[in-house]
Every structure is written in structure tokens, then in C-alpha cells.
């Protein structure tokens, strides 16, 4: 059952006692994504908190365009309820937020399991946009075209996530897709398990491979047949990874 777990933040708890793990979903998703993972026998009798990030599910949107670092700052108070450090689990954008949260509050974190997370910009991503769109973006930065023209181009060439977003959430999406987290990757010294779908076309495996190179204690498991939605495609692999981090740090 959903309940308030922070100012303007709602989540669902499993197990009894303070949460041993905090789970953060991806863009356009909700805490419900984690149900298959939390239902796996590997996590039996483990307490958890899966939240709806601000702007998704039951949690209202922020009042201004946040990036992953601002999201981490907004939810870090949740860690104060834990009596021992927690495992942070993040999918997609939730993984970027989890990384930023670990960098902010290292003493409150036991380890991380990140999956399909855009931790670094994709190699060659700038060249994927059509030339006409890139020219309009450049002209907008130079104030040679009005904002309405840029918005029109974004609506035409933007992703499905962009077209579905409105208001401040659209501004947030524009911000987060241009972020990269090299400082946080280098600052985090916890065990970090990267679990990736071999068929993830949204955040390809090469992103995870490069991110692993920045990590002090990083490992990568690539799951054949899984795509971007790993909590749905391979929940048992994620559950085993979480259980391993929990056990190693007990």
C-alpha cells in the first residue's frame, strides 16, 4: 500500500522494520516496476522501500526543472529512517539518481545495483539527431530563432518520452538527457553491480562498459535476451544481484 515517505514523495514498503534497500524506477515508470524483483525468493524476508519519484505515479512533480542531482537531494531524507546503510537499486534514470544519492550520502549506503542507467552520454549520440534539428538547436542557443521554433522542432524530432511529457516534466527530461555523471562514478567507492540487458537499445551495454571503467568496485553482468526494462525481463537476475550485495555487506 502506498504511503507518504517524505515531503511530496510516496512509496510502498515490503517486509518489516526499516528498509534494507531503496528502489528507484526509470523515466515514465512507477514503483510497481519492482514487484517482480521484490517477489523473487532471493529477497524473501528482506525489507524494502520502492518510491514514486517526483513527477511520476503518486508523487507530484517538482516546481522547477531538476536534474538527477536535485532529485537525489530531494529524496535523501528518506535515508535518515534507516538504522543501517541501505542498498540503492536504480533502473534507467532512477539509476542515475541512485548514483548521485550514493555520492551525496556515502555513509548511508551499503552498495548499489544499477540497471539500464544512463550514467554517461552515449558514444556518438550528438551525431544521431538530424542535421536540421541540430542547426535549429544551435540557432536557438544563439537566439537567432524564437523558443517556439525550437519547441516545434523538439516535438517533431524528440523521443516518445519527450512527446509524452508536459510542463516542467518536459523541461526536466531535456535537462537529464544532457547530463553525465563522471564525477559521481569516480566518487563512489561502494560495491556497484551493473546489470544490463544485452538488447537494451535505449542505454546500450557500451555505456555500462565505460561506466565500469570509472568505478572503484564495479562489476558488469550482461543478460542475454533482456532489453531496457530489466525489472520485467530478468527480475531474478536483479534479485540475485541485490541479495549478493546485501549478504556481502552484512
C-alpha atoms as a PDB file:
ATOM      1  CA  UNK A   1       0.000   0.000   0.000  1.00  0.00           C
ATOM      2  CA  UNK A   2       1.284   3.451  -0.920  1.00  0.00           C
ATOM      3  CA  UNK A   3       2.051   5.874   1.884  1.00  0.00           C
ATOM      4  CA  UNK A   4       3.852   9.189   2.304  1.00  0.00           C
ATOM      5  CA  UNK A   5       7.556   8.569   2.910  1.00  0.00           C
ATOM      6  CA  UNK A   6       8.803  12.142   2.586  1.00  0.00           C
ATOM      7  CA  UNK A   7       7.629  15.590   1.657  1.00  0.00           C
ATOM      8  CA  UNK A   8       5.630  15.064  -1.530  1.00  0.00           C
ATOM      9  CA  UNK A   9       7.036  11.557  -2.000  1.00  0.00           C
ATOM     10  CA  UNK A  10       5.025   8.350  -1.869  1.00  0.00           C
ATOM     11  CA  UNK A  11       6.229   4.786  -1.784  1.00  0.00           C
ATOM     12  CA  UNK A  12       5.406   1.207  -0.910  1.00  0.00           C
ATOM     13  CA  UNK A  13       7.137  -0.850   1.761  1.00  0.00           C
ATOM     14  CA  UNK A  14       7.661  -4.577   1.937  1.00  0.00           C
ATOM     15  CA  UNK A  15       8.829  -6.620   4.907  1.00  0.00           C
ATOM     16  CA  UNK A  16       9.030  -5.381   8.462  1.00  0.00           C
ATOM     17  CA  UNK A  17      11.344  -2.889  10.095  1.00  0.00           C
ATOM     18  CA  UNK A  18      13.465  -0.188   8.439  1.00  0.00           C
ATOM     19  CA  UNK A  19      14.140  -0.666   4.748  1.00  0.00           C
ATOM     20  CA  UNK A  20      17.307  -2.535   3.796  1.00  0.00           C
ATOM     21  CA  UNK A  21      17.043  -1.330   0.204  1.00  0.00           C
ATOM     22  CA  UNK A  22      15.658   1.718  -1.606  1.00  0.00           C
ATOM     23  CA  UNK A  23      14.442   1.175  -5.160  1.00  0.00           C
ATOM     24  CA  UNK A  24      14.174   3.942  -7.776  1.00  0.00           C
ATOM     25  CA  UNK A  25      12.304   3.445 -11.053  1.00  0.00           C
ATOM     26  CA  UNK A  26      13.002   4.848 -14.500  1.00  0.00           C
ATOM     27  CA  UNK A  27      11.520   7.663 -16.540  1.00  0.00           C
ATOM     28  CA  UNK A  28       7.790   7.359 -17.096  1.00  0.00           C
ATOM     29  CA  UNK A  29       7.541   4.396 -14.720  1.00  0.00           C
ATOM     30  CA  UNK A  30       6.450   3.894 -11.091  1.00  0.00           C
ATOM     31  CA  UNK A  31       7.356   1.852  -8.015  1.00  0.00           C
ATOM     32  CA  UNK A  32       5.250  -1.004  -9.404  1.00  0.00           C
ATOM     33  CA  UNK A  33       8.090  -1.950 -11.758  1.00  0.00           C
ATOM     34  CA  UNK A  34       9.892  -3.529  -8.816  1.00  0.00           C
ATOM     35  CA  UNK A  35       7.146  -6.007  -7.856  1.00  0.00           C
ATOM     36  CA  UNK A  36       8.642  -8.930  -9.860  1.00  0.00           C
ATOM     37  CA  UNK A  37      12.069  -8.301  -8.335  1.00  0.00           C
ATOM     38  CA  UNK A  38      10.817  -7.988  -4.766  1.00  0.00           C
ATOM     39  CA  UNK A  39       8.715 -11.119  -5.167  1.00  0.00           C
ATOM     40  CA  UNK A  40      11.737 -13.262  -6.008  1.00  0.00           C
ATOM     41  CA  UNK A  41      12.689 -15.871  -3.365  1.00  0.00           C
ATOM     42  CA  UNK A  42      16.227 -14.439  -3.221  1.00  0.00           C
ATOM     43  CA  UNK A  43      14.829 -11.390  -1.411  1.00  0.00           C
ATOM     44  CA  UNK A  44      12.488 -13.236   0.927  1.00  0.00           C
ATOM     45  CA  UNK A  45      12.294 -11.606   4.365  1.00  0.00           C
ATOM     46  CA  UNK A  46      14.163  -8.522   3.129  1.00  0.00           C
ATOM     47  CA  UNK A  47      12.540  -5.163   3.885  1.00  0.00           C
ATOM     48  CA  UNK A  48      12.387  -2.573   1.119  1.00  0.00           C
ATOM     49  CA  UNK A  49      11.027   0.785   0.081  1.00  0.00           C
ATOM     50  CA  UNK A  50      10.134   1.423  -3.567  1.00  0.00           C
ATOM     51  CA  UNK A  51       9.143   5.026  -4.227  1.00  0.00           C
ATOM     52  CA  UNK A  52       7.408   7.003  -6.923  1.00  0.00           C
ATOM     53  CA  UNK A  53       9.929   9.645  -7.917  1.00  0.00           C
ATOM     54  CA  UNK A  54       8.573  13.223  -8.035  1.00  0.00           C
ATOM     55  CA  UNK A  55       6.555  13.698 -11.201  1.00  0.00           C
ATOM     56  CA  UNK A  56       5.581  10.027 -11.550  1.00  0.00           C
ATOM     57  CA  UNK A  57       2.883   7.862 -10.032  1.00  0.00           C
ATOM     58  CA  UNK A  58       1.515   9.358  -6.831  1.00  0.00           C
ATOM     59  CA  UNK A  59       4.353  11.829  -6.217  1.00  0.00           C
ATOM     60  CA  UNK A  60       3.693  15.358  -7.549  1.00  0.00           C
ATOM     61  CA  UNK A  61       6.104  16.987  -9.978  1.00  0.00           C
ATOM     62  CA  UNK A  62       8.834  19.351  -8.801  1.00  0.00           C
ATOM     63  CA  UNK A  63       8.215  23.061  -9.046  1.00  0.00           C
ATOM     64  CA  UNK A  64      11.249  23.610 -11.256  1.00  0.00           C
ATOM     65  CA  UNK A  65      13.370  21.612 -13.716  1.00  0.00           C
ATOM     66  CA  UNK A  66      15.519  19.236 -11.683  1.00  0.00           C
ATOM     67  CA  UNK A  67      18.405  17.122 -12.814  1.00  0.00           C
ATOM     68  CA  UNK A  68      19.395  13.813 -11.246  1.00  0.00           C
ATOM     69  CA  UNK A  69      21.468  15.604  -8.619  1.00  0.00           C
ATOM     70  CA  UNK A  70      18.483  17.673  -7.481  1.00  0.00           C
ATOM     71  CA  UNK A  71      16.331  14.547  -7.386  1.00  0.00           C
ATOM     72  CA  UNK A  72      18.930  12.915  -5.155  1.00  0.00           C
ATOM     73  CA  UNK A  73      18.939  15.916  -2.828  1.00  0.00           C
ATOM     74  CA  UNK A  74      15.131  15.853  -2.643  1.00  0.00           C
ATOM     75  CA  UNK A  75      14.900  12.200  -1.592  1.00  0.00           C
ATOM     76  CA  UNK A  76      17.993  11.863   0.595  1.00  0.00           C
ATOM     77  CA  UNK A  77      15.945  12.472   3.747  1.00  0.00           C
ATOM     78  CA  UNK A  78      14.402   9.042   3.225  1.00  0.00           C
ATOM     79  CA  UNK A  79      17.758   7.531   4.163  1.00  0.00           C
ATOM     80  CA  UNK A  80      17.517   9.010   7.644  1.00  0.00           C
ATOM     81  CA  UNK A  81      14.898   6.442   8.700  1.00  0.00           C
ATOM     82  CA  UNK A  82      17.254   3.526   8.087  1.00  0.00           C
ATOM     83  CA  UNK A  83      19.082   2.121  11.109  1.00  0.00           C
ATOM     84  CA  UNK A  84      21.807   0.626   8.903  1.00  0.00           C
ATOM     85  CA  UNK A  85      23.119   1.585   5.437  1.00  0.00           C
ATOM     86  CA  UNK A  86      20.851   0.555   2.557  1.00  0.00           C
ATOM     87  CA  UNK A  87      21.375  -0.933  -0.867  1.00  0.00           C
ATOM     88  CA  UNK A  88      20.350   1.522  -3.572  1.00  0.00           C
ATOM     89  CA  UNK A  89      18.711  -0.080  -6.608  1.00  0.00           C
ATOM     90  CA  UNK A  90      18.039   2.053  -9.667  1.00  0.00           C
ATOM     91  CA  UNK A  91      16.676   1.429 -13.145  1.00  0.00           C
ATOM     92  CA  UNK A  92      17.276   3.828 -16.034  1.00  0.00           C
ATOM     93  CA  UNK A  93      17.003   7.449 -14.781  1.00  0.00           C
ATOM     94  CA  UNK A  94      16.471   6.050 -11.307  1.00  0.00           C
ATOM     95  CA  UNK A  95      19.933   4.524 -11.567  1.00  0.00           C
ATOM     96  CA  UNK A  96      21.482   7.924 -12.254  1.00  0.00           C
ATOM     97  CA  UNK A  97      19.649   9.334  -9.232  1.00  0.00           C
ATOM     98  CA  UNK A  98      20.797   6.407  -7.079  1.00  0.00           C
ATOM     99  CA  UNK A  99      24.412   7.069  -8.085  1.00  0.00           C
ATOM    100  CA  UNK A 100      24.086  10.763  -7.194  1.00  0.00           C
ATOM    101  CA  UNK A 101      22.474   9.826  -3.885  1.00  0.00           C
ATOM    102  CA  UNK A 102      25.360   7.498  -3.027  1.00  0.00           C
ATOM    103  CA  UNK A 103      27.834  10.261  -3.799  1.00  0.00           C
ATOM    104  CA  UNK A 104      25.913  12.655  -1.530  1.00  0.00           C
ATOM    105  CA  UNK A 105      25.405  10.252   1.373  1.00  0.00           C
ATOM    106  CA  UNK A 106      28.108   7.568   1.223  1.00  0.00           C
ATOM    107  CA  UNK A 107      27.771   6.734   4.920  1.00  0.00           C
ATOM    108  CA  UNK A 108      24.100   5.803   4.442  1.00  0.00           C
ATOM    109  CA  UNK A 109      24.697   3.428   1.515  1.00  0.00           C
ATOM    110  CA  UNK A 110      25.781  -0.228   1.640  1.00  0.00           C
ATOM    111  CA  UNK A 111      26.142  -0.768  -2.101  1.00  0.00           C
ATOM    112  CA  UNK A 112      24.369  -0.227  -5.406  1.00  0.00           C
ATOM    113  CA  UNK A 113      22.686  -2.268  -8.116  1.00  0.00           C
ATOM    114  CA  UNK A 114      22.182  -0.201 -11.267  1.00  0.00           C
ATOM    115  CA  UNK A 115      20.476  -1.391 -14.437  1.00  0.00           C
ATOM    116  CA  UNK A 116      19.921   0.258 -17.792  1.00  0.00           C
ATOM    117  CA  UNK A 117      21.077   3.550 -16.277  1.00  0.00           C
ATOM    118  CA  UNK A 118      22.296   6.434 -18.494  1.00  0.00           C
ATOM    119  CA  UNK A 119      25.369   7.066 -16.357  1.00  0.00           C
ATOM    120  CA  UNK A 120      27.371   8.508 -19.256  1.00  0.00           C
ATOM    121  CA  UNK A 121      26.368  10.050 -22.552  1.00  0.00           C
ATOM    122  CA  UNK A 122      26.142   7.544 -25.376  1.00  0.00           C
ATOM    123  CA  UNK A 123      29.176   7.422 -27.645  1.00  0.00           C
ATOM    124  CA  UNK A 124      28.432   9.440 -30.784  1.00  0.00           C
ATOM    125  CA  UNK A 125      24.996  10.465 -29.517  1.00  0.00           C
ATOM    126  CA  UNK A 126      25.354  14.027 -30.779  1.00  0.00           C
ATOM    127  CA  UNK A 127      25.512  12.821 -34.378  1.00  0.00           C
ATOM    128  CA  UNK A 128      22.269  10.856 -34.173  1.00  0.00           C
ATOM    129  CA  UNK A 129      19.990  13.905 -34.320  1.00  0.00           C
ATOM    130  CA  UNK A 130      19.088  15.108 -37.837  1.00  0.00           C
ATOM    131  CA  UNK A 131      21.244  17.960 -39.119  1.00  0.00           C
ATOM    132  CA  UNK A 132      18.228  20.269 -39.424  1.00  0.00           C
ATOM    133  CA  UNK A 133      17.362  19.749 -35.754  1.00  0.00           C
ATOM    134  CA  UNK A 134      20.945  20.345 -34.640  1.00  0.00           C
ATOM    135  CA  UNK A 135      21.060  23.564 -36.649  1.00  0.00           C
ATOM    136  CA  UNK A 136      17.840  24.799 -35.021  1.00  0.00           C
ATOM    137  CA  UNK A 137      19.207  23.982 -31.563  1.00  0.00           C
ATOM    138  CA  UNK A 138      22.383  25.909 -32.337  1.00  0.00           C
ATOM    139  CA  UNK A 139      20.374  28.843 -33.702  1.00  0.00           C
ATOM    140  CA  UNK A 140      18.204  28.833 -30.562  1.00  0.00           C
ATOM    141  CA  UNK A 141      21.283  28.959 -28.311  1.00  0.00           C
ATOM    142  CA  UNK A 142      22.446  31.992 -30.308  1.00  0.00           C
ATOM    143  CA  UNK A 143      18.948  33.487 -30.041  1.00  0.00           C
ATOM    144  CA  UNK A 144      18.586  33.509 -33.817  1.00  0.00           C
ATOM    145  CA  UNK A 145      15.245  31.680 -33.734  1.00  0.00           C
ATOM    146  CA  UNK A 146      12.399  32.089 -31.219  1.00  0.00           C
ATOM    147  CA  UNK A 147      11.804  29.487 -28.469  1.00  0.00           C
ATOM    148  CA  UNK A 148       8.593  28.420 -30.202  1.00  0.00           C
ATOM    149  CA  UNK A 149      10.581  27.275 -33.236  1.00  0.00           C
ATOM    150  CA  UNK A 150      12.849  25.148 -31.056  1.00  0.00           C
ATOM    151  CA  UNK A 151       9.832  23.652 -29.292  1.00  0.00           C
ATOM    152  CA  UNK A 152       8.284  22.793 -32.650  1.00  0.00           C
ATOM    153  CA  UNK A 153      11.493  21.046 -33.719  1.00  0.00           C
ATOM    154  CA  UNK A 154      11.677  19.129 -30.454  1.00  0.00           C
ATOM    155  CA  UNK A 155       8.089  17.949 -30.867  1.00  0.00           C
ATOM    156  CA  UNK A 156       8.972  16.684 -34.351  1.00  0.00           C
ATOM    157  CA  UNK A 157      12.336  15.103 -33.667  1.00  0.00           C
ATOM    158  CA  UNK A 158      12.143  14.395 -29.931  1.00  0.00           C
ATOM    159  CA  UNK A 159      11.762  10.982 -28.374  1.00  0.00           C
ATOM    160  CA  UNK A 160       8.483   9.355 -27.387  1.00  0.00           C
ATOM    161  CA  UNK A 161       9.291  10.317 -23.780  1.00  0.00           C
ATOM    162  CA  UNK A 162       9.644  13.944 -24.814  1.00  0.00           C
ATOM    163  CA  UNK A 163       6.365  13.960 -26.730  1.00  0.00           C
ATOM    164  CA  UNK A 164       4.571  12.357 -23.779  1.00  0.00           C
ATOM    165  CA  UNK A 165       5.967  14.807 -21.212  1.00  0.00           C
ATOM    166  CA  UNK A 166       4.344  18.158 -20.484  1.00  0.00           C
ATOM    167  CA  UNK A 167       5.123  21.229 -18.425  1.00  0.00           C
ATOM    168  CA  UNK A 168       8.023  21.036 -16.024  1.00  0.00           C
ATOM    169  CA  UNK A 169       8.498  17.308 -16.697  1.00  0.00           C
ATOM    170  CA  UNK A 170       9.383  18.098 -20.300  1.00  0.00           C
ATOM    171  CA  UNK A 171      11.936  20.626 -19.079  1.00  0.00           C
ATOM    172  CA  UNK A 172      13.323  18.041 -16.660  1.00  0.00           C
ATOM    173  CA  UNK A 173      13.678  15.496 -19.456  1.00  0.00           C
ATOM    174  CA  UNK A 174      15.568  17.978 -21.630  1.00  0.00           C
ATOM    175  CA  UNK A 175      17.917  18.581 -18.721  1.00  0.00           C
ATOM    176  CA  UNK A 176      18.577  14.992 -17.653  1.00  0.00           C
ATOM    177  CA  UNK A 177      19.213  13.638 -21.155  1.00  0.00           C
ATOM    178  CA  UNK A 178      22.140  16.052 -21.389  1.00  0.00           C
ATOM    179  CA  UNK A 179      23.671  15.049 -18.061  1.00  0.00           C
ATOM    180  CA  UNK A 180      26.650  12.779 -17.476  1.00  0.00           C
ATOM    181  CA  UNK A 181      27.928  11.525 -14.143  1.00  0.00           C
ATOM    182  CA  UNK A 182      31.683  11.009 -14.335  1.00  0.00           C
ATOM    183  CA  UNK A 183      32.295  12.846 -11.011  1.00  0.00           C
ATOM    184  CA  UNK A 184      29.830  10.643  -9.141  1.00  0.00           C
ATOM    185  CA  UNK A 185      31.153   7.436 -10.706  1.00  0.00           C
ATOM    186  CA  UNK A 186      34.646   8.307  -9.519  1.00  0.00           C
ATOM    187  CA  UNK A 187      33.476   9.456  -6.085  1.00  0.00           C
ATOM    188  CA  UNK A 188      31.528   6.304  -5.188  1.00  0.00           C
ATOM    189  CA  UNK A 189      33.663   3.630  -3.533  1.00  0.00           C
ATOM    190  CA  UNK A 190      30.890   1.173  -2.671  1.00  0.00           C
ATOM    191  CA  UNK A 191      30.355  -2.129  -4.430  1.00  0.00           C
ATOM    192  CA  UNK A 192      28.401  -1.329  -7.608  1.00  0.00           C
ATOM    193  CA  UNK A 193      26.809  -4.136  -9.589  1.00  0.00           C
ATOM    194  CA  UNK A 194      25.761  -3.192 -13.113  1.00  0.00           C
ATOM    195  CA  UNK A 195      23.095  -5.473 -14.597  1.00  0.00           C
ATOM    196  CA  UNK A 196      22.351  -4.812 -18.273  1.00  0.00           C
ATOM    197  CA  UNK A 197      20.108  -6.222 -20.945  1.00  0.00           C
ATOM    198  CA  UNK A 198      22.073  -7.354 -23.987  1.00  0.00           C
ATOM    199  CA  UNK A 199      19.226  -5.997 -26.141  1.00  0.00           C
ATOM    200  CA  UNK A 200      18.984  -2.626 -24.393  1.00  0.00           C
ATOM    201  CA  UNK A 201      18.758  -0.130 -27.259  1.00  0.00           C
ATOM    202  CA  UNK A 202      17.892   2.833 -25.034  1.00  0.00           C
ATOM    203  CA  UNK A 203      21.065   2.615 -22.947  1.00  0.00           C
ATOM    204  CA  UNK A 204      23.375   0.174 -24.732  1.00  0.00           C
ATOM    205  CA  UNK A 205      25.857  -2.080 -22.991  1.00  0.00           C
ATOM    206  CA  UNK A 206      28.728   0.144 -24.140  1.00  0.00           C
ATOM    207  CA  UNK A 207      27.516   2.783 -21.663  1.00  0.00           C
ATOM    208  CA  UNK A 208      27.794   0.259 -18.830  1.00  0.00           C
ATOM    209  CA  UNK A 209      31.229  -0.860 -20.004  1.00  0.00           C
ATOM    210  CA  UNK A 210      32.555   2.698 -19.986  1.00  0.00           C
ATOM    211  CA  UNK A 211      30.898   3.443 -16.648  1.00  0.00           C
ATOM    212  CA  UNK A 212      32.516   0.375 -15.106  1.00  0.00           C
ATOM    213  CA  UNK A 213      35.898   1.830 -16.013  1.00  0.00           C
ATOM    214  CA  UNK A 214      35.216   4.819 -13.740  1.00  0.00           C
ATOM    215  CA  UNK A 215      34.164   2.708 -10.761  1.00  0.00           C
ATOM    216  CA  UNK A 216      36.366   1.670  -7.890  1.00  0.00           C
ATOM    217  CA  UNK A 217      34.493  -1.590  -7.232  1.00  0.00           C
ATOM    218  CA  UNK A 218      32.280  -2.144 -10.257  1.00  0.00           C
ATOM    219  CA  UNK A 219      31.142  -5.370 -11.922  1.00  0.00           C
ATOM    220  CA  UNK A 220      29.001  -5.876 -15.012  1.00  0.00           C
ATOM    221  CA  UNK A 221      26.579  -8.704 -15.803  1.00  0.00           C
ATOM    222  CA  UNK A 222      25.018  -8.696 -19.270  1.00  0.00           C
ATOM    223  CA  UNK A 223      21.776 -10.664 -19.562  1.00  0.00           C
ATOM    224  CA  UNK A 224      21.074 -12.240 -22.940  1.00  0.00           C
ATOM    225  CA  UNK A 225      17.547 -11.748 -24.248  1.00  0.00           C
ATOM    226  CA  UNK A 226      16.792  -8.837 -21.895  1.00  0.00           C
ATOM    227  CA  UNK A 227      16.067  -5.330 -23.121  1.00  0.00           C
ATOM    228  CA  UNK A 228      15.860  -1.989 -21.337  1.00  0.00           C
ATOM    229  CA  UNK A 229      13.070  -2.982 -18.932  1.00  0.00           C
ATOM    230  CA  UNK A 230      15.184  -5.389 -16.920  1.00  0.00           C
ATOM    231  CA  UNK A 231      12.887  -5.385 -13.850  1.00  0.00           C
ATOM    232  CA  UNK A 232      10.355  -7.038 -16.133  1.00  0.00           C
ATOM    233  CA  UNK A 233      12.697  -9.007 -18.410  1.00  0.00           C
ATOM    234  CA  UNK A 234      15.063 -10.538 -15.828  1.00  0.00           C
ATOM    235  CA  UNK A 235      13.800  -9.859 -12.289  1.00  0.00           C
ATOM    236  CA  UNK A 236      15.533 -12.967 -10.925  1.00  0.00           C
ATOM    237  CA  UNK A 237      18.951 -11.692 -12.050  1.00  0.00           C
ATOM    238  CA  UNK A 238      18.382  -8.346 -10.354  1.00  0.00           C
ATOM    239  CA  UNK A 239      17.123 -10.050  -7.199  1.00  0.00           C
ATOM    240  CA  UNK A 240      20.252 -12.210  -7.025  1.00  0.00           C
ATOM    241  CA  UNK A 241      22.486  -9.173  -7.513  1.00  0.00           C
ATOM    242  CA  UNK A 242      20.726  -7.265  -4.728  1.00  0.00           C
ATOM    243  CA  UNK A 243      20.866 -10.270  -2.404  1.00  0.00           C
ATOM    244  CA  UNK A 244      24.604 -10.651  -3.085  1.00  0.00           C
ATOM    245  CA  UNK A 245      25.299  -7.017  -2.142  1.00  0.00           C
ATOM    246  CA  UNK A 246      23.190  -7.355   0.988  1.00  0.00           C
ATOM    247  CA  UNK A 247      24.955 -10.535   2.040  1.00  0.00           C
ATOM    248  CA  UNK A 248      28.463  -9.262   1.285  1.00  0.00           C
ATOM    249  CA  UNK A 249      27.996  -6.195   3.471  1.00  0.00           C
ATOM    250  CA  UNK A 250      26.274  -7.847   6.453  1.00  0.00           C
END
